[in-house]
């Protein structure tokens, strides 16, 4: 989630690249090489949330947008560390916060989960992280569906919503090639940390050239239990009930600017899927395909993803400046 800094955009020339933005893959590696007990971003916990669930978020200094995502990992590890090497690329112009939704990462578990609670968690983090008026919300995979929910219910309070490789297929495509629902069990206890880490996989399984990022996320997806090591996520948080959510209606009802970013080689979002989602979002919603990326776009092509997201946010903010803050694209 991103909250805006005053005076943005800074460059006088549209499309100009500030020296601050000239990061490299080496800097991403530096961020991800921190040990598990040295998180890349300062941590915060907020307890003023529905049902008193303690929600953790990672925060970066900045001022005007907001990134949130709980991501699907191999053994189903979803947490804000998926964003921790992406967020620093936005801190010059934005205040950034990444959330662990309840039942994921280091946030508390609930007896029951639904999108209404998720939307309130996101809103609570926006307020607690002081992201200001009209922040941007970005969500990947399952986080993208929750982004649709919060943008459909509270879109008039947001500057925009970016959905990253979250599939909503047409009935025809789903009938031809139905998606397999992955198992969500989380009961195995591993004797050692290294044994557990060796079992970490991306889901859906895919190749990733940036293995150091995958290892970084895996290391932050484990917690110590009484008899060994277990994955942090609550299997109930991503249970089968989530497939009953009316995400198609959420997407159609989004009340702010919206965009879709997807991977060229994604196993979940095909070009046909992207085209169908575009029809639900309307002709003014950008659809951006990241070359060579699979479903886990920010792992496969982190710099390409950063460039695409910067372009979207810059375009939206320039449009706001030119046409007024009440413009909705």
C-alpha atoms as a PDB file:
ATOM      1  CA  UNK A   1       0.000   0.000   0.000  1.00  0.00           C
ATOM      2  CA  UNK A   2       1.332   3.384  -0.927  1.00  0.00           C
ATOM      3  CA  UNK A   3       0.649   6.812   0.528  1.00  0.00           C
ATOM      4  CA  UNK A   4       1.744   9.836  -1.484  1.00  0.00           C
ATOM      5  CA  UNK A   5       4.475  12.362  -0.739  1.00  0.00           C
ATOM      6  CA  UNK A   6       3.675  15.986  -1.467  1.00  0.00           C
ATOM      7  CA  UNK A   7       5.184  17.418  -4.627  1.00  0.00           C
ATOM      8  CA  UNK A   8       5.117  14.172  -6.591  1.00  0.00           C
ATOM      9  CA  UNK A   9       6.016  13.673  -9.375  1.00  0.00           C
ATOM     10  CA  UNK A  10       9.433  15.271  -8.927  1.00  0.00           C
ATOM     11  CA  UNK A  11      10.858  15.034 -12.434  1.00  0.00           C
ATOM     12  CA  UNK A  12       9.937  17.912 -14.729  1.00  0.00           C
ATOM     13  CA  UNK A  13      10.201  15.727 -17.811  1.00  0.00           C
ATOM     14  CA  UNK A  14       7.536  13.017 -18.165  1.00  0.00           C
ATOM     15  CA  UNK A  15       9.219   9.627 -18.076  1.00  0.00           C
ATOM     16  CA  UNK A  16      12.498  10.995 -16.741  1.00  0.00           C
ATOM     17  CA  UNK A  17      14.366   8.598 -14.483  1.00  0.00           C
ATOM     18  CA  UNK A  18      15.724   9.991 -11.244  1.00  0.00           C
ATOM     19  CA  UNK A  19      19.190   8.825 -10.119  1.00  0.00           C
ATOM     20  CA  UNK A  20      17.395   7.604  -6.978  1.00  0.00           C
ATOM     21  CA  UNK A  21      15.666   4.993  -9.134  1.00  0.00           C
ATOM     22  CA  UNK A  22      18.822   3.503 -10.637  1.00  0.00           C
ATOM     23  CA  UNK A  23      18.813   0.356  -8.577  1.00  0.00           C
ATOM     24  CA  UNK A  24      20.104  -2.987  -9.744  1.00  0.00           C
ATOM     25  CA  UNK A  25      19.556  -6.671  -9.217  1.00  0.00           C
ATOM     26  CA  UNK A  26      22.601  -6.557  -6.927  1.00  0.00           C
ATOM     27  CA  UNK A  27      20.694  -4.249  -4.553  1.00  0.00           C
ATOM     28  CA  UNK A  28      17.757  -6.680  -4.524  1.00  0.00           C
ATOM     29  CA  UNK A  29      20.195  -9.428  -3.571  1.00  0.00           C
ATOM     30  CA  UNK A  30      21.579  -7.259  -0.751  1.00  0.00           C
ATOM     31  CA  UNK A  31      18.088  -6.771   0.687  1.00  0.00           C
ATOM     32  CA  UNK A  32      17.231 -10.468   0.488  1.00  0.00           C
ATOM     33  CA  UNK A  33      20.503 -11.641   2.046  1.00  0.00           C
ATOM     34  CA  UNK A  34      19.508 -10.335   5.477  1.00  0.00           C
ATOM     35  CA  UNK A  35      18.967 -13.160   7.989  1.00  0.00           C
ATOM     36  CA  UNK A  36      15.428 -14.033   9.162  1.00  0.00           C
ATOM     37  CA  UNK A  37      15.863 -12.142  12.414  1.00  0.00           C
ATOM     38  CA  UNK A  38      16.788  -8.930  10.566  1.00  0.00           C
ATOM     39  CA  UNK A  39      13.692  -7.940   8.539  1.00  0.00           C
ATOM     40  CA  UNK A  40      14.162  -5.638   5.580  1.00  0.00           C
ATOM     41  CA  UNK A  41      11.524  -3.213   6.845  1.00  0.00           C
ATOM     42  CA  UNK A  42      10.557  -1.934  10.304  1.00  0.00           C
ATOM     43  CA  UNK A  43       7.733  -3.971  11.808  1.00  0.00           C
ATOM     44  CA  UNK A  44       4.517  -2.847  13.401  1.00  0.00           C
ATOM     45  CA  UNK A  45       1.553  -4.603  14.995  1.00  0.00           C
ATOM     46  CA  UNK A  46      -1.923  -3.150  15.188  1.00  0.00           C
ATOM     47  CA  UNK A  47      -4.605  -4.643  17.418  1.00  0.00           C
ATOM     48  CA  UNK A  48      -7.533  -2.298  16.708  1.00  0.00           C
ATOM     49  CA  UNK A  49      -8.900  -4.636  14.055  1.00  0.00           C
ATOM     50  CA  UNK A  50     -12.044  -6.751  13.726  1.00  0.00           C
ATOM     51  CA  UNK A  51     -12.170  -9.533  16.318  1.00  0.00           C
ATOM     52  CA  UNK A  52      -9.008  -8.080  17.911  1.00  0.00           C
ATOM     53  CA  UNK A  53      -6.699  -9.932  15.538  1.00  0.00           C
ATOM     54  CA  UNK A  54      -3.104  -8.725  15.763  1.00  0.00           C
ATOM     55  CA  UNK A  55      -2.047  -7.760  12.246  1.00  0.00           C
ATOM     56  CA  UNK A  56       1.557  -7.210  11.289  1.00  0.00           C
ATOM     57  CA  UNK A  57       2.699  -4.868   8.586  1.00  0.00           C
ATOM     58  CA  UNK A  58       6.101  -3.931   7.227  1.00  0.00           C
ATOM     59  CA  UNK A  59       6.609  -0.224   6.719  1.00  0.00           C
ATOM     60  CA  UNK A  60       8.978   1.883   4.654  1.00  0.00           C
ATOM     61  CA  UNK A  61       9.383   5.646   4.978  1.00  0.00           C
ATOM     62  CA  UNK A  62       7.645   7.494   2.204  1.00  0.00           C
ATOM     63  CA  UNK A  63       4.308   9.203   1.718  1.00  0.00           C
ATOM     64  CA  UNK A  64       1.557   8.439  -0.800  1.00  0.00           C
ATOM     65  CA  UNK A  65       0.764   4.938  -1.843  1.00  0.00           C
ATOM     66  CA  UNK A  66       0.308   1.563  -0.357  1.00  0.00           C
ATOM     67  CA  UNK A  67       1.371  -1.959  -1.301  1.00  0.00           C
ATOM     68  CA  UNK A  68      -0.314  -4.968   0.251  1.00  0.00           C
ATOM     69  CA  UNK A  69       0.010  -8.606  -0.584  1.00  0.00           C
ATOM     70  CA  UNK A  70      -0.237 -12.004   0.933  1.00  0.00           C
ATOM     71  CA  UNK A  71       1.312 -14.307  -1.532  1.00  0.00           C
ATOM     72  CA  UNK A  72       0.932 -17.898  -2.367  1.00  0.00           C
ATOM     73  CA  UNK A  73       4.079 -19.821  -1.558  1.00  0.00           C
ATOM     74  CA  UNK A  74       4.993 -23.389  -2.171  1.00  0.00           C
ATOM     75  CA  UNK A  75       3.942 -24.690   1.140  1.00  0.00           C
ATOM     76  CA  UNK A  76       1.471 -21.882   1.268  1.00  0.00           C
ATOM     77  CA  UNK A  77       3.494 -19.180   2.974  1.00  0.00           C
ATOM     78  CA  UNK A  78       1.843 -15.787   2.468  1.00  0.00           C
ATOM     79  CA  UNK A  79       3.340 -12.715   4.038  1.00  0.00           C
ATOM     80  CA  UNK A  80       4.621  -9.209   3.534  1.00  0.00           C
ATOM     81  CA  UNK A  81       8.202 -10.363   2.938  1.00  0.00           C
ATOM     82  CA  UNK A  82       7.150 -11.047  -0.654  1.00  0.00           C
ATOM     83  CA  UNK A  83       7.171  -7.239  -1.002  1.00  0.00           C
ATOM     84  CA  UNK A  84      10.163  -6.326   1.161  1.00  0.00           C
ATOM     85  CA  UNK A  85      12.661  -6.194  -1.712  1.00  0.00           C
ATOM     86  CA  UNK A  86      10.181  -4.324  -3.957  1.00  0.00           C
ATOM     87  CA  UNK A  87       9.008  -1.648  -1.495  1.00  0.00           C
ATOM     88  CA  UNK A  88      12.336   0.260  -1.219  1.00  0.00           C
ATOM     89  CA  UNK A  89      12.056   1.211  -4.908  1.00  0.00           C
ATOM     90  CA  UNK A  90       9.040   3.381  -4.053  1.00  0.00           C
ATOM     91  CA  UNK A  91      10.085   5.114  -0.850  1.00  0.00           C
ATOM     92  CA  UNK A  92      11.243   8.371  -2.418  1.00  0.00           C
ATOM     93  CA  UNK A  93       7.735   9.273  -3.468  1.00  0.00           C
ATOM     94  CA  UNK A  94       5.548   7.090  -1.282  1.00  0.00           C
ATOM     95  CA  UNK A  95       4.975   5.951   2.247  1.00  0.00           C
ATOM     96  CA  UNK A  96       4.851   2.178   1.869  1.00  0.00           C
ATOM     97  CA  UNK A  97       3.245  -0.510   4.020  1.00  0.00           C
ATOM     98  CA  UNK A  98       2.978  -4.235   3.341  1.00  0.00           C
ATOM     99  CA  UNK A  99       0.456  -6.272   5.324  1.00  0.00           C
ATOM    100  CA  UNK A 100       0.288  -9.818   6.621  1.00  0.00           C
ATOM    101  CA  UNK A 101      -3.429 -10.558   6.445  1.00  0.00           C
ATOM    102  CA  UNK A 102      -4.791 -12.522   9.398  1.00  0.00           C
ATOM    103  CA  UNK A 103      -3.785 -16.170   9.265  1.00  0.00           C
ATOM    104  CA  UNK A 104      -0.720 -15.339   7.183  1.00  0.00           C
ATOM    105  CA  UNK A 105       2.868 -14.453   7.970  1.00  0.00           C
ATOM    106  CA  UNK A 106       3.289 -13.096  11.500  1.00  0.00           C
ATOM    107  CA  UNK A 107      -0.301 -11.916  11.951  1.00  0.00           C
ATOM    108  CA  UNK A 108      -2.718 -13.651  14.316  1.00  0.00           C
ATOM    109  CA  UNK A 109      -5.062 -16.439  13.284  1.00  0.00           C
ATOM    110  CA  UNK A 110      -8.864 -16.256  13.348  1.00  0.00           C
ATOM    111  CA  UNK A 111     -11.601 -18.781  13.960  1.00  0.00           C
ATOM    112  CA  UNK A 112     -13.173 -17.741  10.641  1.00  0.00           C
ATOM    113  CA  UNK A 113     -12.005 -15.781   7.603  1.00  0.00           C
ATOM    114  CA  UNK A 114     -13.808 -13.854   4.873  1.00  0.00           C
ATOM    115  CA  UNK A 115     -13.249 -10.959   2.501  1.00  0.00           C
ATOM    116  CA  UNK A 116     -15.251  -8.526   4.653  1.00  0.00           C
ATOM    117  CA  UNK A 117     -12.728  -8.968   7.470  1.00  0.00           C
ATOM    118  CA  UNK A 118      -9.818  -8.736   5.035  1.00  0.00           C
ATOM    119  CA  UNK A 119     -11.107  -5.420   3.702  1.00  0.00           C
ATOM    120  CA  UNK A 120     -11.319  -4.041   7.237  1.00  0.00           C
ATOM    121  CA  UNK A 121      -7.790  -5.256   7.970  1.00  0.00           C
ATOM    122  CA  UNK A 122      -6.478  -3.421   4.920  1.00  0.00           C
ATOM    123  CA  UNK A 123      -8.328  -0.246   5.879  1.00  0.00           C
ATOM    124  CA  UNK A 124      -6.978  -0.468   9.435  1.00  0.00           C
ATOM    125  CA  UNK A 125      -3.410  -0.755   8.172  1.00  0.00           C
ATOM    126  CA  UNK A 126      -3.926   2.218   5.836  1.00  0.00           C
ATOM    127  CA  UNK A 127      -4.974   4.280   8.845  1.00  0.00           C
ATOM    128  CA  UNK A 128      -2.342   2.944  11.273  1.00  0.00           C
ATOM    129  CA  UNK A 129       0.495   3.398   8.774  1.00  0.00           C
ATOM    130  CA  UNK A 130      -0.722   6.975   8.138  1.00  0.00           C
ATOM    131  CA  UNK A 131      -0.830   6.544   4.382  1.00  0.00           C
ATOM    132  CA  UNK A 132      -3.009   9.606   4.002  1.00  0.00           C
ATOM    133  CA  UNK A 133      -5.838  10.303   1.599  1.00  0.00           C
ATOM    134  CA  UNK A 134      -6.429   8.270  -1.546  1.00  0.00           C
ATOM    135  CA  UNK A 135      -3.623   5.695  -1.157  1.00  0.00           C
ATOM    136  CA  UNK A 136      -2.937   3.035  -3.772  1.00  0.00           C
ATOM    137  CA  UNK A 137      -3.487  -0.637  -3.016  1.00  0.00           C
ATOM    138  CA  UNK A 138      -1.552  -3.353  -4.856  1.00  0.00           C
ATOM    139  CA  UNK A 139      -2.241  -7.048  -4.400  1.00  0.00           C
ATOM    140  CA  UNK A 140      -0.821 -10.202  -5.955  1.00  0.00           C
ATOM    141  CA  UNK A 141      -2.652 -13.517  -6.453  1.00  0.00           C
ATOM    142  CA  UNK A 142      -4.963 -14.015  -3.438  1.00  0.00           C
ATOM    143  CA  UNK A 143      -3.997 -10.508  -2.323  1.00  0.00           C
ATOM    144  CA  UNK A 144      -5.288  -9.275  -5.677  1.00  0.00           C
ATOM    145  CA  UNK A 145      -8.728 -10.695  -4.932  1.00  0.00           C
ATOM    146  CA  UNK A 146      -8.752  -8.901  -1.591  1.00  0.00           C
ATOM    147  CA  UNK A 147      -7.650  -5.743  -3.401  1.00  0.00           C
ATOM    148  CA  UNK A 148     -10.720  -6.110  -5.623  1.00  0.00           C
ATOM    149  CA  UNK A 149     -12.885  -6.442  -2.511  1.00  0.00           C
ATOM    150  CA  UNK A 150     -11.569  -3.365  -0.731  1.00  0.00           C
ATOM    151  CA  UNK A 151     -11.657  -1.343  -3.974  1.00  0.00           C
ATOM    152  CA  UNK A 152     -15.263  -2.377  -4.634  1.00  0.00           C
ATOM    153  CA  UNK A 153     -16.386  -1.451  -1.127  1.00  0.00           C
ATOM    154  CA  UNK A 154     -14.198   1.564  -0.399  1.00  0.00           C
ATOM    155  CA  UNK A 155     -12.985   2.619  -3.827  1.00  0.00           C
ATOM    156  CA  UNK A 156     -14.017   6.242  -3.295  1.00  0.00           C
ATOM    157  CA  UNK A 157     -11.310   6.498  -0.631  1.00  0.00           C
ATOM    158  CA  UNK A 158      -8.519   5.061  -2.823  1.00  0.00           C
ATOM    159  CA  UNK A 159      -6.303   6.581  -5.481  1.00  0.00           C
ATOM    160  CA  UNK A 160      -6.166   3.304  -7.401  1.00  0.00           C
ATOM    161  CA  UNK A 161      -5.939  -0.479  -7.212  1.00  0.00           C
ATOM    162  CA  UNK A 162      -3.418  -2.668  -9.010  1.00  0.00           C
ATOM    163  CA  UNK A 163      -4.197  -6.365  -9.383  1.00  0.00           C
ATOM    164  CA  UNK A 164      -1.205  -8.593 -10.057  1.00  0.00           C
ATOM    165  CA  UNK A 165      -1.792 -11.983 -11.720  1.00  0.00           C
ATOM    166  CA  UNK A 166      -5.063 -12.747  -9.929  1.00  0.00           C
ATOM    167  CA  UNK A 167      -7.118 -14.863 -12.350  1.00  0.00           C
ATOM    168  CA  UNK A 168     -10.778 -14.289 -13.123  1.00  0.00           C
ATOM    169  CA  UNK A 169     -11.594 -16.473 -16.108  1.00  0.00           C
ATOM    170  CA  UNK A 170     -14.575 -16.402 -18.413  1.00  0.00           C
ATOM    171  CA  UNK A 171     -17.038 -19.269 -17.948  1.00  0.00           C
ATOM    172  CA  UNK A 172     -15.983 -20.567 -21.375  1.00  0.00           C
ATOM    173  CA  UNK A 173     -12.267 -20.665 -20.537  1.00  0.00           C
ATOM    174  CA  UNK A 174     -12.935 -22.229 -17.147  1.00  0.00           C
ATOM    175  CA  UNK A 175     -15.051 -24.959 -18.760  1.00  0.00           C
ATOM    176  CA  UNK A 176     -12.313 -25.749 -21.300  1.00  0.00           C
ATOM    177  CA  UNK A 177      -9.431 -25.718 -18.852  1.00  0.00           C
ATOM    178  CA  UNK A 178     -10.511 -25.626 -15.191  1.00  0.00           C
ATOM    179  CA  UNK A 179      -7.920 -24.533 -12.662  1.00  0.00           C
ATOM    180  CA  UNK A 180      -6.842 -27.164 -10.147  1.00  0.00           C
ATOM    181  CA  UNK A 181      -7.352 -26.077  -6.569  1.00  0.00           C
ATOM    182  CA  UNK A 182      -4.136 -26.716  -4.628  1.00  0.00           C
ATOM    183  CA  UNK A 183      -4.080 -28.605  -1.313  1.00  0.00           C
ATOM    184  CA  UNK A 184      -3.809 -26.250   1.646  1.00  0.00           C
ATOM    185  CA  UNK A 185      -2.695 -28.527   4.498  1.00  0.00           C
ATOM    186  CA  UNK A 186      -0.280 -27.196   7.102  1.00  0.00           C
ATOM    187  CA  UNK A 187       0.171 -29.874   9.746  1.00  0.00           C
ATOM    188  CA  UNK A 188       3.638 -31.248   9.094  1.00  0.00           C
ATOM    189  CA  UNK A 189       6.378 -30.554  11.635  1.00  0.00           C
ATOM    190  CA  UNK A 190       9.965 -30.536  10.361  1.00  0.00           C
ATOM    191  CA  UNK A 191      12.768 -31.557  12.670  1.00  0.00           C
ATOM    192  CA  UNK A 192      15.186 -28.882  11.469  1.00  0.00           C
ATOM    193  CA  UNK A 193      14.956 -25.478   9.824  1.00  0.00           C
ATOM    194  CA  UNK A 194      17.030 -26.603   6.834  1.00  0.00           C
ATOM    195  CA  UNK A 195      14.819 -29.641   6.249  1.00  0.00           C
ATOM    196  CA  UNK A 196      11.736 -27.437   6.172  1.00  0.00           C
ATOM    197  CA  UNK A 197      13.363 -24.818   3.947  1.00  0.00           C
ATOM    198  CA  UNK A 198      14.325 -27.511   1.437  1.00  0.00           C
ATOM    199  CA  UNK A 199      10.604 -28.290   1.046  1.00  0.00           C
ATOM    200  CA  UNK A 200       9.655 -24.726   0.113  1.00  0.00           C
ATOM    201  CA  UNK A 201       8.132 -24.476  -3.351  1.00  0.00           C
ATOM    202  CA  UNK A 202       6.347 -21.820  -5.321  1.00  0.00           C
ATOM    203  CA  UNK A 203       2.719 -22.569  -6.072  1.00  0.00           C
ATOM    204  CA  UNK A 204       1.845 -23.141  -8.783  1.00  0.00           C
ATOM    205  CA  UNK A 205       5.277 -24.704  -9.228  1.00  0.00           C
ATOM    206  CA  UNK A 206       7.484 -22.864 -11.681  1.00  0.00           C
ATOM    207  CA  UNK A 207      11.066 -22.099 -12.517  1.00  0.00           C
ATOM    208  CA  UNK A 208      12.564 -18.911 -11.073  1.00  0.00           C
ATOM    209  CA  UNK A 209      16.003 -17.671 -12.060  1.00  0.00           C
ATOM    210  CA  UNK A 210      16.202 -15.551  -8.898  1.00  0.00           C
ATOM    211  CA  UNK A 211      16.615 -18.460  -6.501  1.00  0.00           C
ATOM    212  CA  UNK A 212      18.045 -16.184  -3.805  1.00  0.00           C
ATOM    213  CA  UNK A 213      14.681 -14.364  -3.615  1.00  0.00           C
ATOM    214  CA  UNK A 214      12.810 -17.659  -3.324  1.00  0.00           C
ATOM    215  CA  UNK A 215      15.132 -18.742  -0.497  1.00  0.00           C
ATOM    216  CA  UNK A 216      14.692 -15.390   1.255  1.00  0.00           C
ATOM    217  CA  UNK A 217      10.897 -15.761   1.221  1.00  0.00           C
ATOM    218  CA  UNK A 218      11.132 -19.379   2.337  1.00  0.00           C
ATOM    219  CA  UNK A 219      13.308 -18.439   5.322  1.00  0.00           C
ATOM    220  CA  UNK A 220      10.708 -15.919   6.479  1.00  0.00           C
ATOM    221  CA  UNK A 221       7.827 -18.370   5.980  1.00  0.00           C
ATOM    222  CA  UNK A 222       8.819 -20.666   8.871  1.00  0.00           C
ATOM    223  CA  UNK A 223       8.376 -20.444  12.630  1.00  0.00           C
ATOM    224  CA  UNK A 224       9.680 -22.559  15.471  1.00  0.00           C
ATOM    225  CA  UNK A 225       7.202 -24.936  17.091  1.00  0.00           C
ATOM    226  CA  UNK A 226       7.519 -27.075  20.210  1.00  0.00           C
ATOM    227  CA  UNK A 227       8.868 -30.082  18.327  1.00  0.00           C
ATOM    228  CA  UNK A 228      10.516 -28.472  15.314  1.00  0.00           C
ATOM    229  CA  UNK A 229       9.618 -26.048  12.503  1.00  0.00           C
ATOM    230  CA  UNK A 230       6.295 -25.340  10.801  1.00  0.00           C
ATOM    231  CA  UNK A 231       4.975 -23.007   8.117  1.00  0.00           C
ATOM    232  CA  UNK A 232       3.498 -19.794   9.463  1.00  0.00           C
ATOM    233  CA  UNK A 233       0.205 -19.749   7.564  1.00  0.00           C
ATOM    234  CA  UNK A 234      -3.104 -21.045   8.857  1.00  0.00           C
ATOM    235  CA  UNK A 235      -4.468 -23.551   6.342  1.00  0.00           C
ATOM    236  CA  UNK A 236      -7.993 -22.351   7.166  1.00  0.00           C
ATOM    237  CA  UNK A 237      -7.068 -18.855   5.991  1.00  0.00           C
ATOM    238  CA  UNK A 238      -6.782 -20.143   2.445  1.00  0.00           C
ATOM    239  CA  UNK A 239      -9.354 -22.935   2.660  1.00  0.00           C
ATOM    240  CA  UNK A 240     -11.793 -23.979  -0.039  1.00  0.00           C
ATOM    241  CA  UNK A 241     -14.366 -21.385   1.074  1.00  0.00           C
ATOM    242  CA  UNK A 242     -12.339 -18.686  -0.646  1.00  0.00           C
ATOM    243  CA  UNK A 243     -13.394 -20.082  -4.024  1.00  0.00           C
ATOM    244  CA  UNK A 244     -16.979 -19.148  -3.198  1.00  0.00           C
ATOM    245  CA  UNK A 245     -16.172 -15.436  -3.045  1.00  0.00           C
ATOM    246  CA  UNK A 246     -17.921 -13.448  -5.829  1.00  0.00           C
ATOM    247  CA  UNK A 247     -14.636 -11.997  -7.108  1.00  0.00           C
ATOM    248  CA  UNK A 248     -16.098 -11.314 -10.557  1.00  0.00           C
ATOM    249  CA  UNK A 249     -18.621  -8.985  -8.960  1.00  0.00           C
ATOM    250  CA  UNK A 250     -15.899  -7.381  -6.846  1.00  0.00           C
ATOM    251  CA  UNK A 251     -13.885  -6.566  -9.959  1.00  0.00           C
ATOM    252  CA  UNK A 252     -16.876  -5.135 -11.813  1.00  0.00           C
ATOM    253  CA  UNK A 253     -17.766  -2.962  -8.807  1.00  0.00           C
ATOM    254  CA  UNK A 254     -14.299  -1.447  -8.253  1.00  0.00           C
ATOM    255  CA  UNK A 255     -14.883   2.226  -7.503  1.00  0.00           C
ATOM    256  CA  UNK A 256     -11.477   3.685  -8.291  1.00  0.00           C
ATOM    257  CA  UNK A 257      -8.839   3.517 -10.995  1.00  0.00           C
ATOM    258  CA  UNK A 258      -7.765  -0.067 -11.551  1.00  0.00           C
ATOM    259  CA  UNK A 259      -5.118  -1.913 -13.550  1.00  0.00           C
ATOM    260  CA  UNK A 260      -4.003  -5.486 -14.144  1.00  0.00           C
ATOM    261  CA  UNK A 261      -0.372  -6.592 -14.295  1.00  0.00           C
ATOM    262  CA  UNK A 262       0.244 -10.199 -15.323  1.00  0.00           C
ATOM    263  CA  UNK A 263       3.110 -12.428 -16.372  1.00  0.00           C
ATOM    264  CA  UNK A 264       3.623 -13.314 -20.027  1.00  0.00           C
ATOM    265  CA  UNK A 265       4.190 -16.956 -19.047  1.00  0.00           C
ATOM    266  CA  UNK A 266       1.777 -17.104 -16.112  1.00  0.00           C
ATOM    267  CA  UNK A 267       0.152 -20.466 -15.467  1.00  0.00           C
ATOM    268  CA  UNK A 268      -2.925 -18.705 -14.064  1.00  0.00           C
ATOM    269  CA  UNK A 269      -3.528 -15.567 -16.117  1.00  0.00           C
ATOM    270  CA  UNK A 270      -3.464 -16.197 -19.852  1.00  0.00           C
ATOM    271  CA  UNK A 271      -3.951 -13.480 -22.435  1.00  0.00           C
ATOM    272  CA  UNK A 272      -7.515 -14.754 -22.794  1.00  0.00           C
ATOM    273  CA  UNK A 273      -7.990 -14.341 -19.040  1.00  0.00           C
ATOM    274  CA  UNK A 274      -6.499 -10.843 -19.149  1.00  0.00           C
ATOM    275  CA  UNK A 275      -8.809  -9.920 -22.015  1.00  0.00           C
ATOM    276  CA  UNK A 276     -11.842 -11.132 -20.086  1.00  0.00           C
ATOM    277  CA  UNK A 277     -10.782  -9.224 -16.973  1.00  0.00           C
ATOM    278  CA  UNK A 278     -10.305  -6.135 -19.137  1.00  0.00           C
ATOM    279  CA  UNK A 279     -13.927  -6.441 -20.267  1.00  0.00           C
ATOM    280  CA  UNK A 280     -14.995  -6.453 -16.608  1.00  0.00           C
ATOM    281  CA  UNK A 281     -12.754  -3.521 -15.683  1.00  0.00           C
ATOM    282  CA  UNK A 282     -13.636  -1.301 -18.616  1.00  0.00           C
ATOM    283  CA  UNK A 283     -11.640   0.215 -21.501  1.00  0.00           C
ATOM    284  CA  UNK A 284      -9.799   2.788 -19.370  1.00  0.00           C
ATOM    285  CA  UNK A 285      -8.109   0.215 -17.119  1.00  0.00           C
ATOM    286  CA  UNK A 286      -4.524  -0.519 -18.203  1.00  0.00           C
ATOM    287  CA  UNK A 287      -3.573  -4.153 -18.817  1.00  0.00           C
ATOM    288  CA  UNK A 288       0.203  -4.688 -18.563  1.00  0.00           C
ATOM    289  CA  UNK A 289       1.962  -7.908 -19.543  1.00  0.00           C
ATOM    290  CA  UNK A 290       5.447  -8.323 -18.040  1.00  0.00           C
ATOM    291  CA  UNK A 291       7.728 -10.173 -20.514  1.00  0.00           C
ATOM    292  CA  UNK A 292       9.242 -13.490 -19.372  1.00  0.00           C
ATOM    293  CA  UNK A 293       7.404 -13.379 -16.031  1.00  0.00           C
ATOM    294  CA  UNK A 294       5.349 -16.268 -14.712  1.00  0.00           C
ATOM    295  CA  UNK A 295       2.681 -16.121 -11.991  1.00  0.00           C
ATOM    296  CA  UNK A 296       5.097 -14.853  -9.333  1.00  0.00           C
ATOM    297  CA  UNK A 297       5.801 -11.716 -11.324  1.00  0.00           C
ATOM    298  CA  UNK A 298       7.835  -9.839  -8.725  1.00  0.00           C
ATOM    299  CA  UNK A 299      10.106 -12.863  -8.202  1.00  0.00           C
ATOM    300  CA  UNK A 300      10.618 -13.621 -11.891  1.00  0.00           C
ATOM    301  CA  UNK A 301      11.120 -10.085 -13.182  1.00  0.00           C
ATOM    302  CA  UNK A 302      11.426  -7.774 -10.153  1.00  0.00           C
ATOM    303  CA  UNK A 303      12.854  -4.798 -12.030  1.00  0.00           C
ATOM    304  CA  UNK A 304      10.377  -5.205 -14.881  1.00  0.00           C
ATOM    305  CA  UNK A 305       7.572  -5.312 -12.321  1.00  0.00           C
ATOM    306  CA  UNK A 306       8.893  -2.203 -10.558  1.00  0.00           C
ATOM    307  CA  UNK A 307       9.058  -0.346 -13.889  1.00  0.00           C
ATOM    308  CA  UNK A 308       5.500  -1.338 -14.797  1.00  0.00           C
ATOM    309  CA  UNK A 309       4.120  -0.314 -11.404  1.00  0.00           C
ATOM    310  CA  UNK A 310       5.983   3.012 -11.446  1.00  0.00           C
ATOM    311  CA  UNK A 311       4.571   3.750 -14.878  1.00  0.00           C
ATOM    312  CA  UNK A 312       1.010   3.097 -13.718  1.00  0.00           C
ATOM    313  CA  UNK A 313       1.297   5.173 -10.560  1.00  0.00           C
ATOM    314  CA  UNK A 314       3.034   8.034 -12.357  1.00  0.00           C
ATOM    315  CA  UNK A 315       0.345   8.083 -15.048  1.00  0.00           C
ATOM    316  CA  UNK A 316      -2.496   8.088 -12.528  1.00  0.00           C
ATOM    317  CA  UNK A 317      -0.963  10.845 -10.440  1.00  0.00           C
ATOM    318  CA  UNK A 318      -0.256  13.028 -13.474  1.00  0.00           C
ATOM    319  CA  UNK A 319      -3.856  12.566 -14.579  1.00  0.00           C
ATOM    320  CA  UNK A 320      -5.018  13.613 -11.124  1.00  0.00           C
ATOM    321  CA  UNK A 321      -2.902  16.735 -11.322  1.00  0.00           C
ATOM    322  CA  UNK A 322      -4.179  17.594 -14.797  1.00  0.00           C
ATOM    323  CA  UNK A 323      -7.862  16.735 -14.362  1.00  0.00           C
ATOM    324  CA  UNK A 324      -8.509  17.042 -10.621  1.00  0.00           C
ATOM    325  CA  UNK A 325      -8.524  14.639  -7.715  1.00  0.00           C
ATOM    326  CA  UNK A 326     -12.105  13.582  -8.357  1.00  0.00           C
ATOM    327  CA  UNK A 327     -11.251  12.041 -11.731  1.00  0.00           C
ATOM    328  CA  UNK A 328     -11.790   8.295 -11.878  1.00  0.00           C
ATOM    329  CA  UNK A 329     -10.149   6.426 -14.762  1.00  0.00           C
END
